[in-house]
N, C-alpha and C. Protein backbone atom coordinates (compact mmCIF):
# COMPACT_ATOMS: atom_id res chain seq x y z
N MET A 1 8.23 22.85 -8.75
CA MET A 1 8.59 22.00 -7.63
C MET A 1 9.20 20.71 -8.19
N ASP A 2 10.30 20.29 -7.63
CA ASP A 2 10.93 19.07 -8.15
C ASP A 2 10.25 17.83 -7.56
N ILE A 3 10.55 16.71 -8.19
CA ILE A 3 9.91 15.44 -7.81
C ILE A 3 10.18 15.09 -6.35
N LEU A 4 11.41 15.28 -5.88
CA LEU A 4 11.74 14.92 -4.50
C LEU A 4 10.93 15.74 -3.50
N GLN A 5 10.78 17.04 -3.77
CA GLN A 5 9.99 17.89 -2.88
C GLN A 5 8.53 17.46 -2.92
N SER A 6 8.03 17.14 -4.11
CA SER A 6 6.66 16.70 -4.25
C SER A 6 6.42 15.42 -3.45
N MET A 7 7.36 14.48 -3.51
CA MET A 7 7.21 13.22 -2.77
C MET A 7 7.27 13.48 -1.27
N ALA A 8 8.10 14.45 -0.84
CA ALA A 8 8.21 14.76 0.58
C ALA A 8 6.91 15.36 1.10
N ASP A 9 6.16 16.04 0.22
CA ASP A 9 4.90 16.66 0.62
C ASP A 9 3.75 15.67 0.71
N ARG A 10 3.91 14.48 0.20
CA ARG A 10 2.85 13.49 0.26
C ARG A 10 2.61 13.10 1.71
N GLN A 11 1.34 12.95 2.06
CA GLN A 11 0.97 12.67 3.44
C GLN A 11 1.21 11.21 3.79
N THR A 12 1.88 11.00 4.92
CA THR A 12 2.14 9.63 5.36
C THR A 12 1.41 9.35 6.67
N ALA A 13 1.08 8.10 6.82
CA ALA A 13 0.40 7.62 8.03
C ALA A 13 1.43 7.04 8.99
N SER A 14 0.98 6.68 10.17
CA SER A 14 1.87 6.06 11.15
C SER A 14 1.27 4.72 11.57
N GLY A 15 2.00 3.98 12.36
CA GLY A 15 1.51 2.71 12.88
C GLY A 15 1.21 1.69 11.80
N ASP A 16 0.15 0.90 12.01
CA ASP A 16 -0.22 -0.13 11.04
C ASP A 16 -0.51 0.47 9.67
N LEU A 17 -1.23 1.60 9.65
CA LEU A 17 -1.52 2.25 8.37
C LEU A 17 -0.22 2.65 7.66
N GLY A 18 0.74 3.12 8.43
CA GLY A 18 2.02 3.54 7.86
C GLY A 18 2.77 2.39 7.20
N LEU A 19 2.74 1.20 7.84
CA LEU A 19 3.41 0.04 7.26
C LEU A 19 2.72 -0.37 5.96
N ILE A 20 1.40 -0.40 5.96
CA ILE A 20 0.66 -0.76 4.75
C ILE A 20 0.93 0.26 3.65
N GLN A 21 0.90 1.53 3.99
CA GLN A 21 1.18 2.59 3.01
C GLN A 21 2.60 2.45 2.46
N ALA A 22 3.57 2.20 3.32
CA ALA A 22 4.96 2.06 2.88
C ALA A 22 5.11 0.88 1.93
N PHE A 23 4.44 -0.23 2.22
CA PHE A 23 4.53 -1.40 1.36
C PHE A 23 3.94 -1.11 -0.02
N VAL A 24 2.75 -0.53 -0.05
CA VAL A 24 2.11 -0.20 -1.33
C VAL A 24 2.96 0.80 -2.12
N ASN A 25 3.57 1.72 -1.42
CA ASN A 25 4.36 2.76 -2.10
C ASN A 25 5.81 2.35 -2.35
N THR A 26 6.09 1.05 -2.35
CA THR A 26 7.44 0.61 -2.75
C THR A 26 7.63 0.76 -4.25
N VAL A 27 6.60 1.16 -4.95
CA VAL A 27 6.72 1.53 -6.36
C VAL A 27 5.97 2.83 -6.56
N ASP A 28 6.59 3.73 -7.30
CA ASP A 28 5.96 4.98 -7.71
C ASP A 28 5.53 4.75 -9.15
N LEU A 29 4.26 4.44 -9.37
CA LEU A 29 3.76 4.06 -10.69
C LEU A 29 3.95 5.15 -11.73
N GLN A 30 3.93 6.40 -11.31
CA GLN A 30 4.03 7.50 -12.26
C GLN A 30 5.47 7.87 -12.60
N ASP A 31 6.28 8.05 -11.59
CA ASP A 31 7.62 8.58 -11.79
C ASP A 31 8.74 7.59 -11.50
N GLY A 32 8.39 6.33 -11.13
CA GLY A 32 9.41 5.38 -10.72
C GLY A 32 9.90 5.81 -9.37
N PRO A 33 10.73 5.18 -8.72
CA PRO A 33 11.33 3.88 -9.02
C PRO A 33 10.54 2.75 -8.39
N GLU A 34 10.92 1.56 -8.75
CA GLU A 34 10.42 0.33 -8.13
C GLU A 34 11.47 -0.08 -7.11
N GLU A 35 11.11 -0.13 -5.85
CA GLU A 35 12.06 -0.53 -4.80
C GLU A 35 12.29 -2.04 -4.77
N LEU A 36 11.30 -2.82 -5.15
CA LEU A 36 11.41 -4.28 -5.07
C LEU A 36 11.79 -4.82 -6.44
N THR A 37 13.04 -4.67 -6.79
CA THR A 37 13.50 -5.03 -8.14
C THR A 37 13.97 -6.47 -8.26
N ASP A 38 14.31 -7.10 -7.15
CA ASP A 38 14.81 -8.47 -7.19
C ASP A 38 14.64 -9.08 -5.79
N PRO A 39 14.91 -10.37 -5.64
CA PRO A 39 14.74 -10.99 -4.32
C PRO A 39 15.53 -10.31 -3.20
N ASN A 40 16.71 -9.79 -3.51
CA ASN A 40 17.52 -9.14 -2.48
C ASN A 40 16.90 -7.85 -1.97
N THR A 41 16.30 -7.07 -2.87
CA THR A 41 15.68 -5.81 -2.42
C THR A 41 14.42 -6.11 -1.61
N LEU A 42 13.69 -7.17 -1.98
CA LEU A 42 12.53 -7.57 -1.19
C LEU A 42 12.99 -8.00 0.20
N LYS A 43 14.03 -8.82 0.26
CA LYS A 43 14.55 -9.27 1.55
C LYS A 43 14.98 -8.08 2.40
N GLY A 44 15.70 -7.15 1.79
CA GLY A 44 16.15 -5.97 2.52
C GLY A 44 14.99 -5.17 3.10
N TRP A 45 13.93 -5.01 2.32
CA TRP A 45 12.77 -4.25 2.77
C TRP A 45 12.08 -4.97 3.93
N LEU A 46 11.86 -6.27 3.78
CA LEU A 46 11.18 -7.05 4.82
C LEU A 46 11.98 -7.09 6.11
N VAL A 47 13.30 -7.24 6.00
CA VAL A 47 14.17 -7.26 7.18
C VAL A 47 14.16 -5.89 7.85
N ALA A 48 14.27 -4.82 7.05
CA ALA A 48 14.29 -3.46 7.59
C ALA A 48 13.00 -3.13 8.34
N LYS A 49 11.89 -3.68 7.91
CA LYS A 49 10.60 -3.43 8.56
C LYS A 49 10.32 -4.41 9.70
N GLY A 50 11.26 -5.31 9.98
CA GLY A 50 11.10 -6.27 11.08
C GLY A 50 10.10 -7.37 10.79
N LEU A 51 9.84 -7.64 9.53
CA LEU A 51 8.87 -8.65 9.15
C LEU A 51 9.48 -10.02 8.90
N MET A 52 10.81 -10.06 8.80
CA MET A 52 11.48 -11.31 8.47
C MET A 52 12.91 -11.29 9.01
N ASP A 53 13.42 -12.46 9.33
CA ASP A 53 14.80 -12.65 9.76
C ASP A 53 15.71 -12.60 8.54
N GLY A 54 16.80 -11.90 8.65
CA GLY A 54 17.73 -11.74 7.52
C GLY A 54 18.45 -13.00 7.10
N SER A 55 18.38 -14.07 7.88
CA SER A 55 19.08 -15.31 7.52
C SER A 55 18.26 -16.17 6.55
N GLN A 56 17.03 -15.79 6.29
CA GLN A 56 16.16 -16.60 5.44
C GLN A 56 16.29 -16.22 3.97
N GLU A 57 16.11 -17.22 3.12
CA GLU A 57 16.25 -17.03 1.67
C GLU A 57 15.00 -16.40 1.06
N VAL A 58 15.22 -15.68 -0.03
CA VAL A 58 14.12 -15.10 -0.80
C VAL A 58 14.33 -15.50 -2.25
N GLU A 59 13.29 -16.04 -2.86
CA GLU A 59 13.35 -16.52 -4.24
C GLU A 59 12.60 -15.57 -5.17
N ALA A 60 12.80 -15.74 -6.46
CA ALA A 60 12.11 -14.93 -7.46
C ALA A 60 10.59 -15.09 -7.34
N SER A 61 10.13 -16.30 -7.03
CA SER A 61 8.69 -16.53 -6.87
C SER A 61 8.15 -15.74 -5.67
N ASP A 62 8.96 -15.56 -4.62
CA ASP A 62 8.55 -14.76 -3.47
C ASP A 62 8.35 -13.31 -3.88
N LEU A 63 9.24 -12.82 -4.73
CA LEU A 63 9.12 -11.45 -5.22
C LEU A 63 7.83 -11.27 -6.01
N ARG A 64 7.51 -12.22 -6.89
CA ARG A 64 6.26 -12.13 -7.67
C ARG A 64 5.05 -12.13 -6.75
N HIS A 65 5.07 -12.96 -5.72
CA HIS A 65 3.94 -13.01 -4.78
C HIS A 65 3.84 -11.72 -3.98
N ALA A 66 4.96 -11.17 -3.57
CA ALA A 66 4.96 -9.92 -2.80
C ALA A 66 4.39 -8.77 -3.65
N ILE A 67 4.78 -8.71 -4.90
CA ILE A 67 4.26 -7.65 -5.78
C ILE A 67 2.77 -7.84 -6.03
N ALA A 68 2.33 -9.08 -6.20
CA ALA A 68 0.89 -9.34 -6.37
C ALA A 68 0.12 -8.93 -5.11
N LEU A 69 0.68 -9.22 -3.93
CA LEU A 69 0.04 -8.83 -2.68
C LEU A 69 0.00 -7.31 -2.56
N ARG A 70 1.09 -6.66 -2.91
CA ARG A 70 1.15 -5.19 -2.87
C ARG A 70 0.03 -4.59 -3.72
N GLU A 71 -0.15 -5.12 -4.92
CA GLU A 71 -1.17 -4.56 -5.82
C GLU A 71 -2.58 -4.89 -5.35
N ALA A 72 -2.76 -6.04 -4.70
CA ALA A 72 -4.07 -6.38 -4.12
C ALA A 72 -4.40 -5.41 -2.99
N ILE A 73 -3.40 -5.08 -2.19
CA ILE A 73 -3.62 -4.12 -1.10
C ILE A 73 -3.90 -2.73 -1.68
N ARG A 74 -3.21 -2.36 -2.76
CA ARG A 74 -3.48 -1.07 -3.43
C ARG A 74 -4.97 -1.03 -3.83
N SER A 75 -5.47 -2.14 -4.35
CA SER A 75 -6.86 -2.21 -4.76
C SER A 75 -7.80 -2.02 -3.57
N VAL A 76 -7.49 -2.64 -2.44
CA VAL A 76 -8.33 -2.51 -1.25
C VAL A 76 -8.31 -1.06 -0.74
N ILE A 77 -7.16 -0.43 -0.78
CA ILE A 77 -7.07 0.98 -0.40
C ILE A 77 -7.90 1.82 -1.36
N GLY A 78 -7.90 1.45 -2.63
CA GLY A 78 -8.69 2.17 -3.63
C GLY A 78 -10.16 2.23 -3.29
N ALA A 79 -10.66 1.24 -2.57
CA ALA A 79 -12.07 1.27 -2.16
C ALA A 79 -12.36 2.50 -1.30
N ASN A 80 -11.36 3.00 -0.56
CA ASN A 80 -11.52 4.22 0.22
C ASN A 80 -11.63 5.45 -0.67
N SER A 81 -11.28 5.29 -1.94
CA SER A 81 -11.39 6.36 -2.93
C SER A 81 -12.49 6.04 -3.95
N SER A 82 -13.41 5.17 -3.55
CA SER A 82 -14.56 4.76 -4.38
C SER A 82 -14.17 4.01 -5.64
N LEU A 83 -13.07 3.29 -5.61
CA LEU A 83 -12.66 2.46 -6.73
C LEU A 83 -13.09 1.02 -6.46
N PRO A 84 -13.30 0.23 -7.51
CA PRO A 84 -13.73 -1.16 -7.30
C PRO A 84 -12.59 -2.03 -6.78
N VAL A 85 -12.94 -3.06 -6.04
CA VAL A 85 -12.00 -4.09 -5.61
C VAL A 85 -12.36 -5.34 -6.40
N TYR A 86 -11.39 -5.90 -7.08
CA TYR A 86 -11.65 -7.03 -7.96
C TYR A 86 -11.48 -8.37 -7.23
N PRO A 87 -12.23 -9.38 -7.66
CA PRO A 87 -12.15 -10.70 -7.02
C PRO A 87 -10.72 -11.26 -6.99
N VAL A 88 -9.92 -11.00 -8.00
CA VAL A 88 -8.55 -11.51 -8.01
C VAL A 88 -7.75 -10.92 -6.84
N ASP A 89 -8.04 -9.67 -6.49
CA ASP A 89 -7.33 -9.04 -5.37
C ASP A 89 -7.74 -9.67 -4.04
N ILE A 90 -9.02 -9.95 -3.89
CA ILE A 90 -9.49 -10.63 -2.68
C ILE A 90 -8.88 -12.02 -2.60
N ALA A 91 -8.83 -12.73 -3.73
CA ALA A 91 -8.24 -14.07 -3.75
C ALA A 91 -6.76 -14.01 -3.39
N THR A 92 -6.05 -12.98 -3.85
CA THR A 92 -4.63 -12.83 -3.52
C THR A 92 -4.44 -12.62 -2.02
N LEU A 93 -5.26 -11.77 -1.42
CA LEU A 93 -5.18 -11.53 0.02
C LEU A 93 -5.51 -12.80 0.81
N ASN A 94 -6.58 -13.47 0.41
CA ASN A 94 -6.95 -14.72 1.09
C ASN A 94 -5.87 -15.78 0.92
N GLY A 95 -5.26 -15.84 -0.25
CA GLY A 95 -4.19 -16.81 -0.48
C GLY A 95 -2.99 -16.56 0.41
N ALA A 96 -2.61 -15.28 0.57
CA ALA A 96 -1.48 -14.94 1.45
C ALA A 96 -1.80 -15.28 2.90
N ALA A 97 -3.02 -15.01 3.32
CA ALA A 97 -3.42 -15.32 4.70
C ALA A 97 -3.40 -16.83 4.93
N THR A 98 -3.93 -17.58 3.97
CA THR A 98 -3.98 -19.04 4.11
C THR A 98 -2.58 -19.65 4.08
N ALA A 99 -1.75 -19.22 3.12
CA ALA A 99 -0.40 -19.78 2.99
C ALA A 99 0.43 -19.55 4.24
N SER A 100 0.22 -18.42 4.90
CA SER A 100 1.01 -18.12 6.09
C SER A 100 0.43 -18.75 7.35
N GLY A 101 -0.76 -19.31 7.25
CA GLY A 101 -1.38 -19.94 8.42
C GLY A 101 -1.72 -18.94 9.50
N LEU A 102 -2.24 -17.79 9.12
CA LEU A 102 -2.59 -16.78 10.13
C LEU A 102 -3.52 -17.38 11.17
N ARG A 103 -3.23 -17.03 12.41
CA ARG A 103 -4.04 -17.51 13.52
C ARG A 103 -4.03 -16.44 14.61
N MET A 104 -5.06 -16.43 15.40
CA MET A 104 -5.16 -15.48 16.48
C MET A 104 -4.34 -15.99 17.66
N ARG A 105 -3.54 -15.09 18.23
CA ARG A 105 -2.72 -15.41 19.40
C ARG A 105 -2.83 -14.25 20.38
N PHE A 106 -2.58 -14.55 21.65
CA PHE A 106 -2.55 -13.51 22.66
C PHE A 106 -1.11 -13.19 22.99
N GLY A 107 -0.80 -11.91 23.07
CA GLY A 107 0.54 -11.47 23.43
C GLY A 107 0.70 -11.38 24.94
N ALA A 108 1.90 -11.01 25.38
CA ALA A 108 2.19 -10.87 26.81
C ALA A 108 1.29 -9.83 27.47
N ASP A 109 0.80 -8.89 26.66
CA ASP A 109 -0.10 -7.85 27.18
C ASP A 109 -1.56 -8.30 27.20
N ALA A 110 -1.79 -9.59 26.87
CA ALA A 110 -3.13 -10.21 26.84
C ALA A 110 -4.02 -9.66 25.73
N ARG A 111 -3.43 -8.99 24.76
CA ARG A 111 -4.20 -8.47 23.63
C ARG A 111 -4.10 -9.45 22.47
N PRO A 112 -5.21 -9.67 21.77
CA PRO A 112 -5.18 -10.60 20.64
C PRO A 112 -4.54 -9.97 19.41
N ARG A 113 -3.92 -10.81 18.62
CA ARG A 113 -3.33 -10.37 17.35
C ARG A 113 -3.26 -11.56 16.42
N LEU A 114 -3.15 -11.30 15.15
CA LEU A 114 -2.97 -12.36 14.17
C LEU A 114 -1.48 -12.58 13.96
N GLU A 115 -1.06 -13.83 13.92
CA GLU A 115 0.33 -14.18 13.67
C GLU A 115 0.39 -15.30 12.64
N PRO A 116 1.40 -15.27 11.77
CA PRO A 116 1.56 -16.38 10.83
C PRO A 116 2.14 -17.60 11.54
N ALA A 117 1.79 -18.78 11.05
CA ALA A 117 2.30 -20.02 11.62
C ALA A 117 3.65 -20.39 10.99
N VAL A 118 4.02 -19.74 9.91
CA VAL A 118 5.27 -20.05 9.22
C VAL A 118 6.19 -18.84 9.22
N SER A 119 7.44 -19.08 8.86
CA SER A 119 8.41 -17.99 8.82
C SER A 119 8.77 -17.69 7.36
N GLY A 120 9.86 -16.99 7.17
CA GLY A 120 10.32 -16.66 5.83
C GLY A 120 9.44 -15.62 5.16
N VAL A 121 9.53 -15.56 3.84
CA VAL A 121 8.77 -14.56 3.09
C VAL A 121 7.27 -14.83 3.22
N VAL A 122 6.86 -16.09 3.22
CA VAL A 122 5.44 -16.41 3.35
C VAL A 122 4.91 -15.89 4.69
N GLY A 123 5.68 -16.06 5.74
CA GLY A 123 5.30 -15.52 7.05
C GLY A 123 5.28 -14.00 7.04
N ALA A 124 6.24 -13.39 6.37
CA ALA A 124 6.29 -11.93 6.28
C ALA A 124 5.06 -11.40 5.54
N MET A 125 4.65 -12.08 4.47
CA MET A 125 3.44 -11.67 3.74
C MET A 125 2.22 -11.84 4.63
N GLY A 126 2.22 -12.87 5.46
CA GLY A 126 1.14 -13.05 6.43
C GLY A 126 1.11 -11.93 7.44
N ARG A 127 2.28 -11.48 7.88
CA ARG A 127 2.35 -10.35 8.81
C ARG A 127 1.78 -9.09 8.18
N ILE A 128 2.06 -8.91 6.89
CA ILE A 128 1.51 -7.74 6.18
C ILE A 128 -0.01 -7.84 6.11
N VAL A 129 -0.54 -9.02 5.80
CA VAL A 129 -1.99 -9.21 5.76
C VAL A 129 -2.59 -8.98 7.15
N ALA A 130 -1.94 -9.48 8.19
CA ALA A 130 -2.43 -9.27 9.56
C ALA A 130 -2.41 -7.78 9.90
N THR A 131 -1.37 -7.07 9.46
CA THR A 131 -1.29 -5.63 9.69
C THR A 131 -2.39 -4.91 8.93
N LEU A 132 -2.68 -5.36 7.71
CA LEU A 132 -3.78 -4.79 6.93
C LEU A 132 -5.09 -4.97 7.70
N TYR A 133 -5.32 -6.15 8.23
CA TYR A 133 -6.52 -6.41 9.02
C TYR A 133 -6.62 -5.43 10.19
N SER A 134 -5.55 -5.28 10.93
CA SER A 134 -5.54 -4.36 12.08
C SER A 134 -5.79 -2.92 11.63
N ALA A 135 -5.16 -2.54 10.54
CA ALA A 135 -5.34 -1.18 10.02
C ALA A 135 -6.78 -0.94 9.61
N MET A 136 -7.40 -1.94 8.99
CA MET A 136 -8.79 -1.78 8.53
C MET A 136 -9.78 -1.71 9.70
N GLU A 137 -9.39 -2.24 10.84
CA GLU A 137 -10.24 -2.19 12.03
C GLU A 137 -10.16 -0.82 12.71
N ASP A 138 -9.15 -0.04 12.39
CA ASP A 138 -8.95 1.26 13.01
C ASP A 138 -9.85 2.30 12.33
N GLU A 139 -10.34 3.25 13.10
CA GLU A 139 -11.24 4.27 12.56
C GLU A 139 -10.57 5.17 11.52
N THR A 140 -9.25 5.21 11.48
CA THR A 140 -8.56 6.06 10.52
C THR A 140 -8.34 5.37 9.17
N TRP A 141 -8.75 4.09 9.04
CA TRP A 141 -8.53 3.35 7.80
C TRP A 141 -9.02 4.11 6.57
N THR A 142 -10.19 4.72 6.65
CA THR A 142 -10.77 5.38 5.47
C THR A 142 -9.99 6.61 5.04
N ARG A 143 -9.06 7.03 5.85
CA ARG A 143 -8.21 8.16 5.46
C ARG A 143 -7.05 7.73 4.54
N LEU A 144 -6.79 6.44 4.47
CA LEU A 144 -5.76 5.95 3.56
C LEU A 144 -6.40 5.80 2.19
N LYS A 145 -5.92 6.57 1.22
CA LYS A 145 -6.56 6.64 -0.10
C LYS A 145 -5.52 6.51 -1.19
N LEU A 146 -6.02 6.35 -2.42
CA LEU A 146 -5.17 6.36 -3.60
C LEU A 146 -5.34 7.69 -4.31
N CYS A 147 -4.25 8.19 -4.85
CA CYS A 147 -4.29 9.41 -5.63
C CYS A 147 -5.29 9.23 -6.78
N GLY A 148 -6.09 10.26 -7.03
CA GLY A 148 -7.10 10.22 -8.08
C GLY A 148 -6.55 10.23 -9.48
N SER A 149 -5.26 10.48 -9.64
CA SER A 149 -4.63 10.44 -10.96
C SER A 149 -4.41 8.98 -11.35
N GLN A 150 -4.99 8.57 -12.48
CA GLN A 150 -4.88 7.18 -12.93
C GLN A 150 -3.43 6.78 -13.20
N THR A 151 -2.56 7.73 -13.48
CA THR A 151 -1.16 7.39 -13.74
C THR A 151 -0.33 7.36 -12.47
N CYS A 152 -0.88 7.86 -11.38
CA CYS A 152 -0.12 7.92 -10.12
C CYS A 152 -0.52 6.78 -9.18
N ARG A 153 -1.73 6.82 -8.65
CA ARG A 153 -2.26 5.82 -7.71
C ARG A 153 -1.38 5.61 -6.46
N TRP A 154 -0.70 6.66 -6.04
CA TRP A 154 0.12 6.66 -4.82
C TRP A 154 -0.82 6.58 -3.61
N ALA A 155 -0.48 5.78 -2.63
CA ALA A 155 -1.27 5.72 -1.40
C ALA A 155 -0.87 6.89 -0.50
N PHE A 156 -1.87 7.67 -0.08
CA PHE A 156 -1.60 8.81 0.78
C PHE A 156 -2.58 8.84 1.93
N TYR A 157 -2.20 9.53 2.98
CA TYR A 157 -3.03 9.67 4.16
C TYR A 157 -3.76 11.00 4.07
N ASP A 158 -5.07 10.97 4.02
CA ASP A 158 -5.89 12.17 3.88
C ASP A 158 -6.05 12.84 5.23
N ARG A 159 -5.35 13.95 5.41
CA ARG A 159 -5.41 14.68 6.67
C ARG A 159 -6.44 15.82 6.63
N SER A 160 -7.17 15.96 5.54
CA SER A 160 -8.15 17.04 5.45
C SER A 160 -9.27 16.83 6.47
N LYS A 161 -9.86 17.93 6.93
CA LYS A 161 -10.91 17.88 7.94
C LYS A 161 -12.09 17.03 7.51
N ASN A 162 -12.50 17.18 6.26
CA ASN A 162 -13.70 16.47 5.79
C ASN A 162 -13.38 15.23 4.97
N HIS A 163 -12.14 14.77 5.01
CA HIS A 163 -11.72 13.53 4.33
C HIS A 163 -11.96 13.61 2.82
N SER A 164 -11.73 14.77 2.23
CA SER A 164 -12.08 14.96 0.82
C SER A 164 -10.90 15.07 -0.13
N SER A 165 -9.69 14.86 0.34
CA SER A 165 -8.52 14.95 -0.55
C SER A 165 -8.62 13.91 -1.65
N ARG A 166 -8.23 14.30 -2.86
CA ARG A 166 -8.32 13.39 -4.01
C ARG A 166 -6.97 13.06 -4.61
N TRP A 167 -5.96 13.87 -4.30
CA TRP A 167 -4.65 13.67 -4.91
C TRP A 167 -3.57 13.57 -3.84
N CYS A 168 -2.50 12.88 -4.17
CA CYS A 168 -1.41 12.73 -3.20
C CYS A 168 -0.79 14.09 -2.89
N THR A 169 -0.69 14.95 -3.90
CA THR A 169 -0.28 16.34 -3.67
C THR A 169 -1.04 17.22 -4.66
N MET A 170 -1.44 18.36 -4.22
CA MET A 170 -2.11 19.31 -5.11
C MET A 170 -1.11 19.89 -6.08
N ALA A 171 0.13 20.09 -5.63
CA ALA A 171 1.15 20.73 -6.45
C ALA A 171 1.53 19.93 -7.69
N SER A 172 1.40 18.61 -7.61
CA SER A 172 1.76 17.82 -8.80
C SER A 172 0.52 17.21 -9.42
N CYS A 173 0.00 16.18 -8.84
CA CYS A 173 -1.13 15.45 -9.44
C CYS A 173 -2.40 16.29 -9.51
N GLY A 174 -2.71 17.04 -8.48
CA GLY A 174 -3.92 17.86 -8.48
C GLY A 174 -3.90 18.89 -9.59
N ASN A 175 -2.81 19.63 -9.70
CA ASN A 175 -2.70 20.63 -10.77
C ASN A 175 -2.71 19.99 -12.14
N ARG A 176 -2.05 18.87 -12.30
CA ARG A 176 -2.01 18.17 -13.59
C ARG A 176 -3.41 17.73 -14.01
N GLU A 177 -4.18 17.17 -13.06
CA GLU A 177 -5.53 16.71 -13.35
C GLU A 177 -6.46 17.88 -13.66
N LYS A 178 -6.34 18.96 -12.93
CA LYS A 178 -7.18 20.13 -13.19
C LYS A 178 -6.86 20.74 -14.55
N ALA A 179 -5.58 20.79 -14.91
CA ALA A 179 -5.19 21.31 -16.23
C ALA A 179 -5.72 20.40 -17.34
N ARG A 180 -5.67 19.10 -17.13
CA ARG A 180 -6.17 18.15 -18.12
C ARG A 180 -7.68 18.35 -18.34
N ARG A 181 -8.43 18.51 -17.26
CA ARG A 181 -9.88 18.74 -17.37
C ARG A 181 -10.19 20.07 -18.06
N PHE A 182 -9.41 21.11 -17.73
CA PHE A 182 -9.60 22.41 -18.36
C PHE A 182 -9.38 22.32 -19.86
N ARG A 183 -8.30 21.65 -20.27
CA ARG A 183 -8.01 21.50 -21.72
C ARG A 183 -9.12 20.71 -22.41
N ALA A 184 -9.62 19.65 -21.75
CA ALA A 184 -10.70 18.86 -22.35
C ALA A 184 -11.96 19.68 -22.46
N HIS A 185 -12.27 20.47 -21.44
CA HIS A 185 -13.46 21.31 -21.46
C HIS A 185 -13.34 22.40 -22.54
N SER A 186 -12.17 23.01 -22.63
CA SER A 186 -11.92 24.05 -23.64
C SER A 186 -12.01 23.48 -25.05
N ALA A 187 -11.50 22.29 -25.26
CA ALA A 187 -11.55 21.64 -26.58
C ALA A 187 -12.99 21.30 -26.94
N GLY A 188 -13.80 20.97 -25.94
CA GLY A 188 -15.21 20.63 -26.18
C GLY A 188 -16.03 21.85 -26.58
N ARG A 189 -15.64 23.05 -26.12
CA ARG A 189 -16.36 24.27 -26.47
C ARG A 189 -15.94 24.80 -27.83
N ALA A 190 -14.76 24.42 -28.29
CA ALA A 190 -14.25 24.96 -29.56
C ALA A 190 -14.91 24.36 -30.77
């Protein structure tokens, strides 16, 4: 199976979970590519997702902060796969929420939501944190997991009945991990 087919087979979420998953998966840690390569690609991604106005500037420091936020969110998703969440990741999330001035507001439908008090990339990062909050409040949050392969760590949506999926795809990461364990076990018996 080729890489493109394997990526197409990875389970995706919808709604708030889908946005969080898409943001985390802007880099494929195992096979590349990195979508957020410079301020322009970050701007393009944020504008395409409706998180920021295209007339606003994006700096190199914004890109560094966005990547740090992405990896902090990856860590939080990892908790759904029994991985630890580190204090630096919590601090990164809290920093993004604070910098954007997240506050509770009521929409025209009288439903509460978190909104950033600022615009630009800082506001867009606040919108991502607010979306993460909403996603974590949903009962399907625990289905968003990280691939069990340490070289992959792709965020995937676990559609299995018993929520027991461990790999983004069985055809690539699952088979690779099982073969690795078999070789280690065979070497241990020899």
